Amino acid sequence: VQMVESGGGFVQAGGALSLSCVASGILFNQNDVGWFRQGPGKHQRELVAIVTDLGNTNYAAAVKGRFTISRDNAKNTVSLQMNSLKPEDTAVYYCNAKGPSSDNPTTYQDHWGQGTQVIVSS
């Protein structure tokens, strides 16, 4: 299984960035996919946004109205459009998939990407 993120970078407060994650080795349309982040000095990853296999979305309160998650099952891709970025959005962003893989189609698994850095300056 591979989860490959792209799109991180440096942006000034108020700016926008788009993250993308391409998954392979999973049964993508049967997975809930989303983004988590781990801010500097924090020990845990927190949910940013998730879109279920049925297309239902859920956002962290801190990003609701600013971030938009979407999925393209034909391209095995989940994207995160981040607008009106704030310094507190600075973090490493991780792509996540929860569900079956091609090798284990009957078990529920949890897969992570390597992470992509987002830095928002004030």
C-alpha atoms as a PDB file:
ATOM      1  CA  VAL A   1       0.000   0.000   0.000  1.00  0.00           C
ATOM      2  CA  GLN A   2       1.213   3.477  -0.835  1.00  0.00           C
ATOM      3  CA  MET A   3      -0.250   6.833   0.066  1.00  0.00           C
ATOM      4  CA  VAL A   4       1.661   9.622  -1.683  1.00  0.00           C
ATOM      5  CA  GLU A   5       0.961  13.207  -0.693  1.00  0.00           C
ATOM      6  CA  SER A   6       1.839  16.357  -2.574  1.00  0.00           C
ATOM      7  CA  GLY A   7       1.104  20.051  -2.427  1.00  0.00           C
ATOM      8  CA  GLY A   8       2.498  21.243   0.870  1.00  0.00           C
ATOM      9  CA  GLY A   9       4.569  24.379   1.155  1.00  0.00           C
ATOM     10  CA  PHE A  10       4.942  27.844   2.568  1.00  0.00           C
ATOM     11  CA  VAL A  11       2.221  30.469   2.391  1.00  0.00           C
ATOM     12  CA  GLN A  12       1.345  33.726   4.088  1.00  0.00           C
ATOM     13  CA  ALA A  13      -1.662  34.002   6.351  1.00  0.00           C
ATOM     14  CA  GLY A  14      -4.825  34.406   4.336  1.00  0.00           C
ATOM     15  CA  GLY A  15      -3.421  32.416   1.452  1.00  0.00           C
ATOM     16  CA  ALA A  16      -4.429  29.059   0.038  1.00  0.00           C
ATOM     17  CA  LEU A  17      -2.858  25.674  -0.617  1.00  0.00           C
ATOM     18  CA  SER A  18      -4.139  22.469  -2.103  1.00  0.00           C
ATOM     19  CA  LEU A  19      -3.027  19.025  -0.953  1.00  0.00           C
ATOM     20  CA  SER A  20      -3.427  15.842  -2.912  1.00  0.00           C
ATOM     21  CA  CYS A  21      -2.949  12.181  -2.042  1.00  0.00           C
ATOM     22  CA  VAL A  22      -2.839   9.286  -4.473  1.00  0.00           C
ATOM     23  CA  ALA A  23      -3.426   5.863  -3.008  1.00  0.00           C
ATOM     24  CA  SER A  24      -2.455   2.499  -4.408  1.00  0.00           C
ATOM     25  CA  GLY A  25      -2.929  -0.997  -3.104  1.00  0.00           C
ATOM     26  CA  ILE A  26      -6.222  -0.270  -1.376  1.00  0.00           C
ATOM     27  CA  LEU A  27      -9.821  -0.761  -2.453  1.00  0.00           C
ATOM     28  CA  PHE A  28     -10.182   2.981  -2.625  1.00  0.00           C
ATOM     29  CA  ASN A  29     -13.935   3.222  -3.120  1.00  0.00           C
ATOM     30  CA  GLN A  30     -14.444   1.095   0.008  1.00  0.00           C
ATOM     31  CA  ASN A  31     -12.195   3.236   2.204  1.00  0.00           C
ATOM     32  CA  ASP A  32     -12.904   6.290   4.281  1.00  0.00           C
ATOM     33  CA  VAL A  33     -10.141   8.727   3.313  1.00  0.00           C
ATOM     34  CA  GLY A  34      -9.031  11.912   4.915  1.00  0.00           C
ATOM     35  CA  TRP A  35      -6.395  14.227   6.278  1.00  0.00           C
ATOM     36  CA  PHE A  36      -4.876  14.533   9.720  1.00  0.00           C
ATOM     37  CA  ARG A  37      -2.246  16.950  10.945  1.00  0.00           C
ATOM     38  CA  GLN A  38       0.373  17.193  13.642  1.00  0.00           C
ATOM     39  CA  GLY A  39       1.380  20.658  14.679  1.00  0.00           C
ATOM     40  CA  PRO A  40       4.800  21.678  16.019  1.00  0.00           C
ATOM     41  CA  GLY A  41       5.341  20.462  19.548  1.00  0.00           C
ATOM     42  CA  LYS A  42       2.226  18.335  19.513  1.00  0.00           C
ATOM     43  CA  HIS A  43       2.419  14.627  20.145  1.00  0.00           C
ATOM     44  CA  GLN A  44      -0.773  13.502  18.457  1.00  0.00           C
ATOM     45  CA  ARG A  45      -2.253  13.811  15.036  1.00  0.00           C
ATOM     46  CA  GLU A  46      -5.631  15.470  14.881  1.00  0.00           C
ATOM     47  CA  LEU A  47      -8.384  15.002  12.363  1.00  0.00           C
ATOM     48  CA  VAL A  48      -8.655  17.745   9.764  1.00  0.00           C
ATOM     49  CA  ALA A  49     -11.279  16.321   7.431  1.00  0.00           C
ATOM     50  CA  ILE A  50     -12.565  12.984   6.256  1.00  0.00           C
ATOM     51  CA  VAL A  51     -14.807  11.795   3.463  1.00  0.00           C
ATOM     52  CA  THR A  52     -16.413   8.389   3.867  1.00  0.00           C
ATOM     53  CA  ASP A  53     -16.838   5.718   1.226  1.00  0.00           C
ATOM     54  CA  LEU A  54     -20.401   6.996   0.827  1.00  0.00           C
ATOM     55  CA  GLY A  55     -19.213  10.556   0.243  1.00  0.00           C
ATOM     56  CA  ASN A  56     -20.154  12.007   3.618  1.00  0.00           C
ATOM     57  CA  THR A  57     -17.745  14.616   4.942  1.00  0.00           C
ATOM     58  CA  ASN A  58     -16.704  15.619   8.426  1.00  0.00           C
ATOM     59  CA  TYR A  59     -14.473  18.549   9.358  1.00  0.00           C
ATOM     60  CA  ALA A  60     -12.667  19.652  12.472  1.00  0.00           C
ATOM     61  CA  ALA A  61     -14.302  22.736  13.925  1.00  0.00           C
ATOM     62  CA  ALA A  62     -11.079  24.697  13.465  1.00  0.00           C
ATOM     63  CA  VAL A  63     -11.158  24.294   9.671  1.00  0.00           C
ATOM     64  CA  LYS A  64     -14.863  24.196   8.886  1.00  0.00           C
ATOM     65  CA  GLY A  65     -15.759  26.780   6.280  1.00  0.00           C
ATOM     66  CA  ARG A  66     -12.145  27.228   5.200  1.00  0.00           C
ATOM     67  CA  PHE A  67     -11.106  23.748   4.045  1.00  0.00           C
ATOM     68  CA  THR A  68     -12.822  21.488   1.531  1.00  0.00           C
ATOM     69  CA  ILE A  69     -12.126  17.781   1.150  1.00  0.00           C
ATOM     70  CA  SER A  70     -12.968  15.838  -1.972  1.00  0.00           C
ATOM     71  CA  ARG A  71     -12.334  12.400  -3.402  1.00  0.00           C
ATOM     72  CA  ASP A  72     -12.031  11.028  -6.910  1.00  0.00           C
ATOM     73  CA  ASN A  73     -12.595   7.291  -6.865  1.00  0.00           C
ATOM     74  CA  ALA A  74     -11.605   6.934 -10.516  1.00  0.00           C
ATOM     75  CA  LYS A  75      -8.160   8.355  -9.730  1.00  0.00           C
ATOM     76  CA  ASN A  76      -7.760   6.937  -6.208  1.00  0.00           C
ATOM     77  CA  THR A  77      -7.204  10.482  -5.027  1.00  0.00           C
ATOM     78  CA  VAL A  78      -8.262  12.528  -2.034  1.00  0.00           C
ATOM     79  CA  SER A  79      -7.673  16.266  -2.048  1.00  0.00           C
ATOM     80  CA  LEU A  80      -7.824  19.052   0.491  1.00  0.00           C
ATOM     81  CA  GLN A  81      -8.363  22.657  -0.574  1.00  0.00           C
ATOM     82  CA  MET A  82      -7.224  24.965   2.201  1.00  0.00           C
ATOM     83  CA  ASN A  83      -8.299  28.606   2.049  1.00  0.00           C
ATOM     84  CA  SER A  84      -7.892  31.513   4.450  1.00  0.00           C
ATOM     85  CA  LEU A  85      -4.937  29.795   6.054  1.00  0.00           C
ATOM     86  CA  LYS A  86      -3.872  30.807   9.545  1.00  0.00           C
ATOM     87  CA  PRO A  87      -0.535  30.404  11.331  1.00  0.00           C
ATOM     88  CA  GLU A  88      -2.167  27.822  13.584  1.00  0.00           C
ATOM     89  CA  ASP A  89      -2.723  25.640  10.497  1.00  0.00           C
ATOM     90  CA  THR A  90       1.036  25.097  10.385  1.00  0.00           C
ATOM     91  CA  ALA A  91       1.593  21.355  10.662  1.00  0.00           C
ATOM     92  CA  VAL A  92       2.619  18.204   8.894  1.00  0.00           C
ATOM     93  CA  TYR A  93      -0.436  16.964   7.048  1.00  0.00           C
ATOM     94  CA  TYR A  94      -0.965  13.231   6.659  1.00  0.00           C
ATOM     95  CA  CYS A  95      -3.202  11.399   4.244  1.00  0.00           C
ATOM     96  CA  ASN A  96      -5.119   8.496   5.768  1.00  0.00           C
ATOM     97  CA  ALA A  97      -7.221   5.630   4.487  1.00  0.00           C
ATOM     98  CA  LYS A  98      -9.346   3.315   6.606  1.00  0.00           C
ATOM     99  CA  GLY A  99     -10.699   0.179   5.041  1.00  0.00           C
ATOM    100  CA  PRO A 100      -9.758  -2.890   2.994  1.00  0.00           C
ATOM    101  CA  SER A 101      -6.717  -3.262   0.812  1.00  0.00           C
ATOM    102  CA  SER A 102      -6.178  -5.281  -2.349  1.00  0.00           C
ATOM    103  CA  ASP A 103      -4.149  -7.855  -0.412  1.00  0.00           C
ATOM    104  CA  ASN A 104      -6.616  -8.020   2.484  1.00  0.00           C
ATOM    105  CA  PRO A 105     -10.067  -7.270   1.108  1.00  0.00           C
ATOM    106  CA  THR A 106     -11.928  -8.594   4.139  1.00  0.00           C
ATOM    107  CA  THR A 107     -10.122  -6.741   6.904  1.00  0.00           C
ATOM    108  CA  TYR A 108     -10.309  -3.141   8.126  1.00  0.00           C
ATOM    109  CA  GLN A 109      -6.909  -1.464   7.958  1.00  0.00           C
ATOM    110  CA  ASP A 110      -5.414   1.935   8.647  1.00  0.00           C
ATOM    111  CA  HIS A 111      -2.901   3.362   6.183  1.00  0.00           C
ATOM    112  CA  TRP A 112      -0.891   6.572   6.337  1.00  0.00           C
ATOM    113  CA  GLY A 113       1.147   8.663   4.002  1.00  0.00           C
ATOM    114  CA  GLN A 114       4.560  10.071   4.864  1.00  0.00           C
ATOM    115  CA  GLY A 115       3.244  13.556   5.472  1.00  0.00           C
ATOM    116  CA  THR A 116       3.650  16.917   3.776  1.00  0.00           C
ATOM    117  CA  GLN A 117       4.677  20.106   5.556  1.00  0.00           C
ATOM    118  CA  VAL A 118       2.468  23.183   5.529  1.00  0.00           C
ATOM    119  CA  ILE A 119       3.864  26.401   6.981  1.00  0.00           C
ATOM    120  CA  VAL A 120       1.700  29.492   7.315  1.00  0.00           C
ATOM    121  CA  SER A 121       3.485  32.709   8.222  1.00  0.00           C
ATOM    122  CA  SER A 122       1.822  35.576  10.027  1.00  0.00           C
END
